[in-house]
Amino acid sequence: CASPTCQAEGVLAPAVAAIAAIQAMEALKILAGRPEAVSPYLVKLDLWGNVWQRIDVQKTGPDADCPCCARKDFEFLED
């Protein structure tokens, strides 16, 4: 079964606000001249289940089986 898309299922506004706040803070670190303070993690949030996951993308590197990393296939970004 394929995962539902944001276009089909919608997006929870608080999830957008949470991600926007995290991204804004990371940008401020760079603008303040403190790039070493930028998080090396990919953050995955499940706000419905109150679960936060940090994935260290610097150590793991791209996954050879990942459609996005290996094949540059971004099907959910297409119209």
C-alpha atoms as a PDB file:
ATOM      1  CA  CYS A   1       0.000   0.000   0.000  1.00  0.00           C
ATOM      2  CA  ALA A   2       1.440   3.377  -1.005  1.00  0.00           C
ATOM      3  CA  SER A   3       1.769   6.155   1.548  1.00  0.00           C
ATOM      4  CA  PRO A   4      -0.833   8.900   1.228  1.00  0.00           C
ATOM      5  CA  THR A   5       0.423  12.184  -0.185  1.00  0.00           C
ATOM      6  CA  CYS A   6      -0.007  15.620   1.354  1.00  0.00           C
ATOM      7  CA  GLN A   7      -2.045  16.620  -1.689  1.00  0.00           C
ATOM      8  CA  ALA A   8      -4.532  13.793  -1.095  1.00  0.00           C
ATOM      9  CA  GLU A   9      -4.623  13.764   2.718  1.00  0.00           C
ATOM     10  CA  GLY A  10      -3.786  17.353   3.651  1.00  0.00           C
ATOM     11  CA  VAL A  11      -1.233  18.764   6.097  1.00  0.00           C
ATOM     12  CA  LEU A  12      -1.707  19.571   9.784  1.00  0.00           C
ATOM     13  CA  ALA A  13      -0.974  23.264  10.337  1.00  0.00           C
ATOM     14  CA  PRO A  14       0.903  22.699  13.632  1.00  0.00           C
ATOM     15  CA  ALA A  15       3.276  20.333  11.805  1.00  0.00           C
ATOM     16  CA  VAL A  16       4.077  23.074   9.306  1.00  0.00           C
ATOM     17  CA  ALA A  17       4.661  25.556  12.137  1.00  0.00           C
ATOM     18  CA  ALA A  18       6.967  23.156  14.005  1.00  0.00           C
ATOM     19  CA  ILE A  19       9.130  22.460  10.945  1.00  0.00           C
ATOM     20  CA  ALA A  20       9.201  26.151  10.000  1.00  0.00           C
ATOM     21  CA  ALA A  21      10.448  27.046  13.491  1.00  0.00           C
ATOM     22  CA  ILE A  22      13.222  24.444  13.330  1.00  0.00           C
ATOM     23  CA  GLN A  23      14.305  25.567   9.855  1.00  0.00           C
ATOM     24  CA  ALA A  24      14.231  29.248  10.833  1.00  0.00           C
ATOM     25  CA  MET A  25      16.461  28.546  13.833  1.00  0.00           C
ATOM     26  CA  GLU A  26      18.960  26.643  11.673  1.00  0.00           C
ATOM     27  CA  ALA A  27      19.031  29.558   9.201  1.00  0.00           C
ATOM     28  CA  LEU A  28      19.633  32.031  12.030  1.00  0.00           C
ATOM     29  CA  LYS A  29      22.641  29.994  13.180  1.00  0.00           C
ATOM     30  CA  ILE A  30      24.158  30.305   9.697  1.00  0.00           C
ATOM     31  CA  LEU A  31      23.313  34.004   9.401  1.00  0.00           C
ATOM     32  CA  ALA A  32      24.865  34.636  12.813  1.00  0.00           C
ATOM     33  CA  GLY A  33      28.140  33.156  11.563  1.00  0.00           C
ATOM     34  CA  ARG A  34      27.830  29.987  13.657  1.00  0.00           C
ATOM     35  CA  PRO A  35      27.591  27.187  11.066  1.00  0.00           C
ATOM     36  CA  GLU A  36      29.159  24.747  13.552  1.00  0.00           C
ATOM     37  CA  ALA A  37      25.959  25.050  15.629  1.00  0.00           C
ATOM     38  CA  VAL A  38      23.785  23.776  12.770  1.00  0.00           C
ATOM     39  CA  SER A  39      22.309  20.360  13.490  1.00  0.00           C
ATOM     40  CA  PRO A  40      23.774  17.473  11.471  1.00  0.00           C
ATOM     41  CA  TYR A  41      20.520  15.545  11.888  1.00  0.00           C
ATOM     42  CA  LEU A  42      17.472  14.987   9.734  1.00  0.00           C
ATOM     43  CA  VAL A  43      14.501  15.412  12.066  1.00  0.00           C
ATOM     44  CA  LYS A  44      11.398  13.291  11.641  1.00  0.00           C
ATOM     45  CA  LEU A  45       8.348  14.407  13.610  1.00  0.00           C
ATOM     46  CA  ASP A  46       5.148  12.507  14.261  1.00  0.00           C
ATOM     47  CA  LEU A  47       3.183  15.196  16.058  1.00  0.00           C
ATOM     48  CA  TRP A  48       0.074  13.034  16.251  1.00  0.00           C
ATOM     49  CA  GLY A  49       1.957  10.322  18.146  1.00  0.00           C
ATOM     50  CA  ASN A  50       4.354  12.723  19.945  1.00  0.00           C
ATOM     51  CA  VAL A  51       7.406  10.980  18.470  1.00  0.00           C
ATOM     52  CA  TRP A  52      10.607  12.792  17.441  1.00  0.00           C
ATOM     53  CA  GLN A  53      13.392  10.974  15.625  1.00  0.00           C
ATOM     54  CA  ARG A  54      16.866  12.294  14.785  1.00  0.00           C
ATOM     55  CA  ILE A  55      18.702  10.628  11.920  1.00  0.00           C
ATOM     56  CA  ASP A  56      22.424  11.340  11.614  1.00  0.00           C
ATOM     57  CA  VAL A  57      22.782  11.886   7.875  1.00  0.00           C
ATOM     58  CA  GLN A  58      26.492  12.697   8.118  1.00  0.00           C
ATOM     59  CA  LYS A  59      27.441   9.232   9.366  1.00  0.00           C
ATOM     60  CA  THR A  60      25.040   7.089   7.373  1.00  0.00           C
ATOM     61  CA  GLY A  61      25.373   8.778   3.997  1.00  0.00           C
ATOM     62  CA  PRO A  62      22.968   8.219   1.133  1.00  0.00           C
ATOM     63  CA  ASP A  63      21.150   4.912   0.895  1.00  0.00           C
ATOM     64  CA  ALA A  64      21.863   3.126  -2.399  1.00  0.00           C
ATOM     65  CA  ASP A  65      18.297   1.723  -2.391  1.00  0.00           C
ATOM     66  CA  CYS A  66      16.623   5.074  -1.695  1.00  0.00           C
ATOM     67  CA  PRO A  67      14.578   6.363  -4.659  1.00  0.00           C
ATOM     68  CA  CYS A  68      15.457   9.973  -3.743  1.00  0.00           C
ATOM     69  CA  CYS A  69      19.155   9.534  -2.851  1.00  0.00           C
ATOM     70  CA  ALA A  70      20.152   7.009  -5.504  1.00  0.00           C
ATOM     71  CA  ARG A  71      17.789   7.640  -8.409  1.00  0.00           C
ATOM     72  CA  LYS A  72      16.870  11.300  -7.763  1.00  0.00           C
ATOM     73  CA  ASP A  73      13.191  10.250  -8.075  1.00  0.00           C
ATOM     74  CA  PHE A  74      11.038  12.849  -6.305  1.00  0.00           C
ATOM     75  CA  GLU A  75       7.575  11.527  -7.218  1.00  0.00           C
ATOM     76  CA  PHE A  76       5.753  13.439  -4.466  1.00  0.00           C
ATOM     77  CA  LEU A  77       7.152  16.773  -5.694  1.00  0.00           C
ATOM     78  CA  GLU A  78       5.678  16.354  -9.163  1.00  0.00           C
ATOM     79  CA  ASP A  79       2.277  17.811 -10.063  1.00  0.00           C
END
